[in-house]
Amino acid sequence: MCLRDNHGTFVLAKVLQYDQVYPVAVGEALGLYHAIQWMQYMHFNNVDFELDSKITRDAFHSRKEDVTKFGNIIDECRVQFFSPLSQTLGSSLLGDKRMRRLML
């Protein structure tokens, strides 16, 4: 994960290591989940989460039920993202690179 300011300048990075091998979609969803938690922990505000994965972004914004591991992680992302703590962050989830505050 890479944190950038509103000008696209590098600020911080964080690396996560997993003991298992996951499908790409699950890995992308886990990255989003941990990025949301990281921003909450760091008490950052006005954060835009930028994703390279259209599948993850579309699943996050979808209302379709998904009972797979990927779907469960996306559900947890929504819980974290829309929690009262995140609402004070002023967060948004983007699927393009025009808003370059947080790249996953």
Protein backbone atom coordinates (compact mmCIF):
# COMPACT_ATOMS: atom_id res chain seq x y z
CA MET A 1 0.00 0.00 0.00
CA CYS A 2 1.23 3.44 -0.84
CA LEU A 3 -0.06 6.66 0.67
CA ARG A 4 0.22 9.81 -1.42
CA ASP A 5 -0.83 13.38 -0.73
CA ASN A 6 -3.27 15.38 -2.86
CA HIS A 7 -0.45 16.23 -5.30
CA GLY A 8 0.51 12.58 -5.80
CA THR A 9 3.69 12.88 -3.76
CA PHE A 10 4.73 9.77 -1.83
CA VAL A 11 4.12 10.03 1.94
CA LEU A 12 4.12 6.52 3.48
CA ALA A 13 4.07 2.86 2.48
CA LYS A 14 3.06 -0.33 4.22
CA VAL A 15 3.80 -3.92 3.25
CA LEU A 16 1.70 -6.88 4.31
CA GLN A 17 2.76 -10.50 4.17
CA TYR A 18 0.38 -13.45 4.16
CA ASP A 19 1.24 -17.03 5.04
CA GLN A 20 -1.13 -18.39 2.39
CA VAL A 21 -1.47 -17.98 -1.35
CA TYR A 22 -4.77 -16.34 -2.29
CA PRO A 23 -6.51 -15.81 -5.60
CA VAL A 24 -5.84 -12.32 -7.00
CA ALA A 25 -9.37 -11.05 -6.27
CA VAL A 26 -9.12 -12.14 -2.62
CA GLY A 27 -5.70 -10.50 -2.31
CA GLU A 28 -7.05 -7.23 -3.73
CA ALA A 29 -10.00 -7.32 -1.31
CA LEU A 30 -7.65 -8.00 1.62
CA GLY A 31 -5.52 -5.05 0.52
CA LEU A 32 -8.55 -2.76 0.59
CA TYR A 33 -9.64 -4.08 3.99
CA HIS A 34 -6.21 -3.47 5.51
CA ALA A 35 -5.89 -0.05 3.86
CA ILE A 36 -9.18 1.07 5.43
CA GLN A 37 -8.04 -0.18 8.83
CA TRP A 38 -4.65 1.52 8.42
CA MET A 39 -6.20 4.90 7.62
CA GLN A 40 -8.51 4.60 10.62
CA TYR A 41 -5.59 3.68 12.87
CA MET A 42 -3.50 6.59 11.58
CA HIS A 43 -6.45 9.00 12.05
CA PHE A 44 -6.14 10.39 8.52
CA ASN A 45 -9.06 12.33 7.11
CA ASN A 46 -10.34 13.03 3.59
CA VAL A 47 -8.89 9.81 2.16
CA ASP A 48 -9.57 8.52 -1.34
CA PHE A 49 -8.91 4.81 -1.77
CA GLU A 50 -7.71 4.09 -5.29
CA LEU A 51 -7.88 0.56 -6.63
CA ASP A 52 -6.32 -1.11 -9.64
CA SER A 53 -8.90 -3.91 -9.41
CA LYS A 54 -12.17 -3.17 -11.18
CA ILE A 55 -13.58 -6.44 -9.80
CA THR A 56 -12.97 -5.29 -6.22
CA ARG A 57 -14.35 -1.80 -6.84
CA ASP A 58 -17.46 -3.13 -8.59
CA ALA A 59 -18.06 -5.71 -5.85
CA PHE A 60 -17.71 -3.03 -3.17
CA HIS A 61 -20.37 -0.87 -4.85
CA SER A 62 -22.64 -3.81 -5.76
CA ARG A 63 -25.59 -4.97 -3.69
CA LYS A 64 -25.39 -8.56 -4.98
CA GLU A 65 -24.91 -11.21 -2.34
CA ASP A 66 -21.60 -13.07 -2.59
CA VAL A 67 -21.01 -15.92 -0.12
CA THR A 68 -17.43 -16.64 -1.26
CA LYS A 69 -14.33 -15.69 0.72
CA PHE A 70 -13.95 -12.68 -1.61
CA GLY A 71 -17.54 -11.61 -0.89
CA ASN A 72 -17.06 -11.96 2.86
CA ILE A 73 -13.98 -9.74 2.76
CA ILE A 74 -15.82 -7.15 0.65
CA ASP A 75 -18.68 -7.19 3.20
CA GLU A 76 -16.14 -6.51 5.97
CA CYS A 77 -14.65 -3.69 3.88
CA ARG A 78 -18.10 -2.10 3.68
CA VAL A 79 -18.59 -2.45 7.44
CA GLN A 80 -15.25 -0.73 8.10
CA PHE A 81 -15.72 1.88 5.37
CA PHE A 82 -19.20 2.92 6.49
CA SER A 83 -18.52 2.70 10.23
CA PRO A 84 -18.97 5.90 12.27
CA LEU A 85 -15.17 6.21 12.51
CA SER A 86 -14.78 6.14 8.73
CA GLN A 87 -17.59 8.61 8.23
CA THR A 88 -15.51 11.18 10.05
CA LEU A 89 -12.62 10.43 7.67
CA GLY A 90 -14.53 11.72 4.65
CA SER A 91 -13.44 8.67 2.66
CA SER A 92 -14.34 7.66 -0.87
CA LEU A 93 -13.58 4.60 -2.97
CA LEU A 94 -12.37 5.25 -6.50
CA GLY A 95 -11.64 3.01 -9.42
CA ASP A 96 -9.47 5.32 -11.49
CA LYS A 97 -6.21 7.21 -11.10
CA ARG A 98 -7.46 10.79 -11.28
CA MET A 99 -7.65 11.12 -7.50
CA ARG A 100 -4.20 10.03 -6.29
CA ARG A 101 -4.30 9.98 -2.52
CA LEU A 102 -4.08 6.28 -1.78
CA MET A 103 -3.00 3.66 -4.26
CA LEU A 104 -3.44 -0.04 -3.64
